[in-house]
C-alpha atoms as a PDB file:
ATOM      1  CA  UNK A   1      57.780 184.967  62.012  1.00  0.00           C
ATOM      2  CA  UNK A   2      59.958 184.410  58.676  1.00  0.00           C
ATOM      3  CA  UNK A   3      58.977 180.686  58.494  1.00  0.00           C
ATOM      4  CA  UNK A   4      55.841 180.018  60.684  1.00  0.00           C
ATOM      5  CA  UNK A   5      52.598 181.773  61.948  1.00  0.00           C
ATOM      6  CA  UNK A   6      51.019 181.889  65.372  1.00  0.00           C
ATOM      7  CA  UNK A   7      47.467 182.339  65.444  1.00  0.00           C
ATOM      8  CA  UNK A   8      45.047 182.523  68.559  1.00  0.00           C
ATOM      9  CA  UNK A   9      41.447 182.084  67.563  1.00  0.00           C
ATOM     10  CA  UNK A  10      38.118 181.217  68.984  1.00  0.00           C
ATOM     11  CA  UNK A  11      36.027 179.656  66.336  1.00  0.00           C
ATOM     12  CA  UNK A  12      32.352 179.946  66.181  1.00  0.00           C
ATOM     13  CA  UNK A  13      30.456 177.063  67.350  1.00  0.00           C
ATOM     14  CA  UNK A  14      30.104 174.488  64.736  1.00  0.00           C
ATOM     15  CA  UNK A  15      33.209 175.713  62.884  1.00  0.00           C
ATOM     16  CA  UNK A  16      35.921 173.264  62.296  1.00  0.00           C
ATOM     17  CA  UNK A  17      39.522 174.271  62.741  1.00  0.00           C
ATOM     18  CA  UNK A  18      40.652 172.284  59.809  1.00  0.00           C
ATOM     19  CA  UNK A  19      38.130 174.477  57.638  1.00  0.00           C
ATOM     20  CA  UNK A  20      39.733 177.839  58.975  1.00  0.00           C
ATOM     21  CA  UNK A  21      43.046 176.550  58.267  1.00  0.00           C
ATOM     22  CA  UNK A  22      42.263 175.300  54.756  1.00  0.00           C
ATOM     23  CA  UNK A  23      40.626 178.710  53.878  1.00  0.00           C
ATOM     24  CA  UNK A  24      43.650 180.725  55.465  1.00  0.00           C
ATOM     25  CA  UNK A  25      46.474 178.585  53.683  1.00  0.00           C
ATOM     26  CA  UNK A  26      44.664 178.287  50.112  1.00  0.00           C
ATOM     27  CA  UNK A  27      43.838 182.179  49.943  1.00  0.00           C
ATOM     28  CA  UNK A  28      47.247 183.356  51.182  1.00  0.00           C
ATOM     29  CA  UNK A  29      49.093 180.943  49.225  1.00  0.00           C
ATOM     30  CA  UNK A  30      47.240 182.124  45.990  1.00  0.00           C
ATOM     31  CA  UNK A  31      47.940 185.654  46.756  1.00  0.00           C
ATOM     32  CA  UNK A  32      51.642 185.244  47.616  1.00  0.00           C
ATOM     33  CA  UNK A  33      52.412 182.995  44.638  1.00  0.00           C
ATOM     34  CA  UNK A  34      50.617 185.605  42.157  1.00  0.00           C
ATOM     35  CA  UNK A  35      52.372 188.273  43.825  1.00  0.00           C
ATOM     36  CA  UNK A  36      55.674 186.423  43.302  1.00  0.00           C
ATOM     37  CA  UNK A  37      54.932 185.525  39.596  1.00  0.00           C
ATOM     38  CA  UNK A  38      54.161 189.438  39.066  1.00  0.00           C
ATOM     39  CA  UNK A  39      57.009 191.007  41.112  1.00  0.00           C
ATOM     40  CA  UNK A  40      59.706 188.545  41.882  1.00  0.00           C
ATOM     41  CA  UNK A  41      59.484 185.412  39.447  1.00  0.00           C
ATOM     42  CA  UNK A  42      63.027 184.669  40.328  1.00  0.00           C
ATOM     43  CA  UNK A  43      62.310 183.424  43.723  1.00  0.00           C
ATOM     44  CA  UNK A  44      59.520 180.996  42.645  1.00  0.00           C
ATOM     45  CA  UNK A  45      62.145 178.186  42.382  1.00  0.00           C
ATOM     46  CA  UNK A  46      62.787 178.600  46.093  1.00  0.00           C
ATOM     47  CA  UNK A  47      58.964 177.432  46.778  1.00  0.00           C
ATOM     48  CA  UNK A  48      58.925 174.812  44.213  1.00  0.00           C
ATOM     49  CA  UNK A  49      57.652 171.354  45.671  1.00  0.00           C
ATOM     50  CA  UNK A  50      57.908 168.097  43.933  1.00  0.00           C
ATOM     51  CA  UNK A  51      54.933 166.194  45.308  1.00  0.00           C
ATOM     52  CA  UNK A  52      54.841 162.441  45.873  1.00  0.00           C
ATOM     53  CA  UNK A  53      53.096 161.826  42.742  1.00  0.00           C
ATOM     54  CA  UNK A  54      55.829 163.616  40.860  1.00  0.00           C
ATOM     55  CA  UNK A  55      53.902 166.823  40.177  1.00  0.00           C
ATOM     56  CA  UNK A  56      55.603 170.168  40.708  1.00  0.00           C
ATOM     57  CA  UNK A  57      53.831 172.938  42.609  1.00  0.00           C
ATOM     58  CA  UNK A  58      54.645 176.006  44.375  1.00  0.00           C
ATOM     59  CA  UNK A  59      54.155 175.659  48.252  1.00  0.00           C
ATOM     60  CA  UNK A  60      54.030 178.418  50.840  1.00  0.00           C
ATOM     61  CA  UNK A  61      52.941 176.295  53.580  1.00  0.00           C
ATOM     62  CA  UNK A  62      54.548 173.100  54.793  1.00  0.00           C
ATOM     63  CA  UNK A  63      52.508 169.962  54.219  1.00  0.00           C
ATOM     64  CA  UNK A  64      50.557 168.788  57.146  1.00  0.00           C
ATOM     65  CA  UNK A  65      47.976 170.387  59.563  1.00  0.00           C
ATOM     66  CA  UNK A  66      50.363 172.386  61.715  1.00  0.00           C
ATOM     67  CA  UNK A  67      50.532 172.135  65.511  1.00  0.00           C
ATOM     68  CA  UNK A  68      47.425 173.131  67.199  1.00  0.00           C
ATOM     69  CA  UNK A  69      46.438 173.227  71.063  1.00  0.00           C
ATOM     70  CA  UNK A  70      43.249 173.696  72.608  1.00  0.00           C
ATOM     71  CA  UNK A  71      43.199 176.545  75.354  1.00  0.00           C
ATOM     72  CA  UNK A  72      40.989 175.544  78.102  1.00  0.00           C
ATOM     73  CA  UNK A  73      41.320 178.299  80.402  1.00  0.00           C
ATOM     74  CA  UNK A  74      41.671 182.115  80.609  1.00  0.00           C
ATOM     75  CA  UNK A  75      45.289 181.817  81.753  1.00  0.00           C
ATOM     76  CA  UNK A  76      45.947 179.391  78.747  1.00  0.00           C
ATOM     77  CA  UNK A  77      44.874 182.092  76.516  1.00  0.00           C
ATOM     78  CA  UNK A  78      46.717 184.948  77.919  1.00  0.00           C
ATOM     79  CA  UNK A  79      49.948 182.750  78.041  1.00  0.00           C
ATOM     80  CA  UNK A  80      49.630 181.801  74.305  1.00  0.00           C
ATOM     81  CA  UNK A  81      48.894 185.629  73.476  1.00  0.00           C
ATOM     82  CA  UNK A  82      52.140 186.409  75.448  1.00  0.00           C
ATOM     83  CA  UNK A  83      54.081 183.765  73.930  1.00  0.00           C
ATOM     84  CA  UNK A  84      53.072 184.707  70.454  1.00  0.00           C
ATOM     85  CA  UNK A  85      53.986 188.278  71.061  1.00  0.00           C
ATOM     86  CA  UNK A  86      57.479 187.470  72.681  1.00  0.00           C
ATOM     87  CA  UNK A  87      58.341 184.891  69.901  1.00  0.00           C
ATOM     88  CA  UNK A  88      60.179 187.544  67.568  1.00  0.00           C
ATOM     89  CA  UNK A  89      62.136 188.840  70.525  1.00  0.00           C
ATOM     90  CA  UNK A  90      63.115 185.240  71.500  1.00  0.00           C
ATOM     91  CA  UNK A  91      64.152 184.629  68.046  1.00  0.00           C
ATOM     92  CA  UNK A  92      66.352 187.903  68.029  1.00  0.00           C
ATOM     93  CA  UNK A  93      64.358 189.613  65.248  1.00  0.00           C
ATOM     94  CA  UNK A  94      63.358 192.634  67.412  1.00  0.00           C
ATOM     95  CA  UNK A  95      64.290 194.134  70.734  1.00  0.00           C
ATOM     96  CA  UNK A  96      60.647 194.402  71.711  1.00  0.00           C
ATOM     97  CA  UNK A  97      57.413 192.543  70.823  1.00  0.00           C
ATOM     98  CA  UNK A  98      55.916 195.904  69.494  1.00  0.00           C
ATOM     99  CA  UNK A  99      58.836 196.357  67.136  1.00  0.00           C
ATOM    100  CA  UNK A 100      57.873 193.318  64.916  1.00  0.00           C
ATOM    101  CA  UNK A 101      55.558 194.751  62.184  1.00  0.00           C
ATOM    102  CA  UNK A 102      53.524 191.369  61.612  1.00  0.00           C
ATOM    103  CA  UNK A 103      52.707 191.065  65.283  1.00  0.00           C
ATOM    104  CA  UNK A 104      49.539 191.959  67.089  1.00  0.00           C
ATOM    105  CA  UNK A 105      51.546 193.217  70.143  1.00  0.00           C
ATOM    106  CA  UNK A 106      51.517 196.784  68.866  1.00  0.00           C
ATOM    107  CA  UNK A 107      47.771 196.642  68.312  1.00  0.00           C
ATOM    108  CA  UNK A 108      47.298 195.152  71.795  1.00  0.00           C
ATOM    109  CA  UNK A 109      49.384 198.055  73.419  1.00  0.00           C
ATOM    110  CA  UNK A 110      48.122 200.825  71.445  1.00  0.00           C
ATOM    111  CA  UNK A 111      44.499 199.999  70.803  1.00  0.00           C
ATOM    112  CA  UNK A 112      44.919 200.626  66.892  1.00  0.00           C
ATOM    113  CA  UNK A 113      44.361 197.634  64.857  1.00  0.00           C
ATOM    114  CA  UNK A 114      47.308 198.130  62.296  1.00  0.00           C
ATOM    115  CA  UNK A 115      48.539 195.886  60.704  1.00  0.00           C
ATOM    116  CA  UNK A 116      46.304 193.424  62.269  1.00  0.00           C
ATOM    117  CA  UNK A 117      42.813 193.565  63.421  1.00  0.00           C
ATOM    118  CA  UNK A 118      41.875 192.046  67.089  1.00  0.00           C
ATOM    119  CA  UNK A 119      38.529 191.113  68.242  1.00  0.00           C
ATOM    120  CA  UNK A 120      39.364 192.192  71.707  1.00  0.00           C
ATOM    121  CA  UNK A 121      35.839 191.556  72.992  1.00  0.00           C
ATOM    122  CA  UNK A 122      36.238 187.844  72.576  1.00  0.00           C
ATOM    123  CA  UNK A 123      39.462 187.562  74.715  1.00  0.00           C
ATOM    124  CA  UNK A 124      38.412 187.168  78.444  1.00  0.00           C
ATOM    125  CA  UNK A 125      39.882 189.224  81.031  1.00  0.00           C
ATOM    126  CA  UNK A 126      42.412 187.509  83.370  1.00  0.00           C
ATOM    127  CA  UNK A 127      41.708 187.887  86.958  1.00  0.00           C
ATOM    128  CA  UNK A 128      43.334 186.202  90.042  1.00  0.00           C
ATOM    129  CA  UNK A 129      40.311 184.008  90.571  1.00  0.00           C
ATOM    130  CA  UNK A 130      39.953 183.179  86.758  1.00  0.00           C
ATOM    131  CA  UNK A 131      41.533 179.892  85.637  1.00  0.00           C
ATOM    132  CA  UNK A 132      38.575 178.592  83.716  1.00  0.00           C
ATOM    133  CA  UNK A 133      36.895 179.698  80.484  1.00  0.00           C
ATOM    134  CA  UNK A 134      33.567 181.377  81.103  1.00  0.00           C
ATOM    135  CA  UNK A 135      30.524 179.717  79.657  1.00  0.00           C
ATOM    136  CA  UNK A 136      30.203 182.077  76.933  1.00  0.00           C
ATOM    137  CA  UNK A 137      33.606 180.738  75.456  1.00  0.00           C
ATOM    138  CA  UNK A 138      32.808 177.135  75.859  1.00  0.00           C
END
């Protein structure tokens, strides 16, 4: 999406979501800002942020932790993946989910992990009776 990201993940036991988000945000911000400095410095002013203490910085991500939700059933997992894939279509960016380059929709459909790699083995199969996470996911 142009201004936000959807991410469905299953952290390893003992891993904190906050740690995952911090690592993701810091590394992607550094790479994006360095790329802008080298290739499109004129756009740096659009991401300049004046912090509460008055310090100026470049900000790729909004302040705050974002919006997260615990998915407690196989149905929830599949609904969120479908929602994530449908989001660019709902926003009018593309006619079909597989047409959005930065979506995993094409990878899910084709089985080819480009541009995003998917850990298909960690996504439980949805069956009619299946409305709870298996014990291996809890």
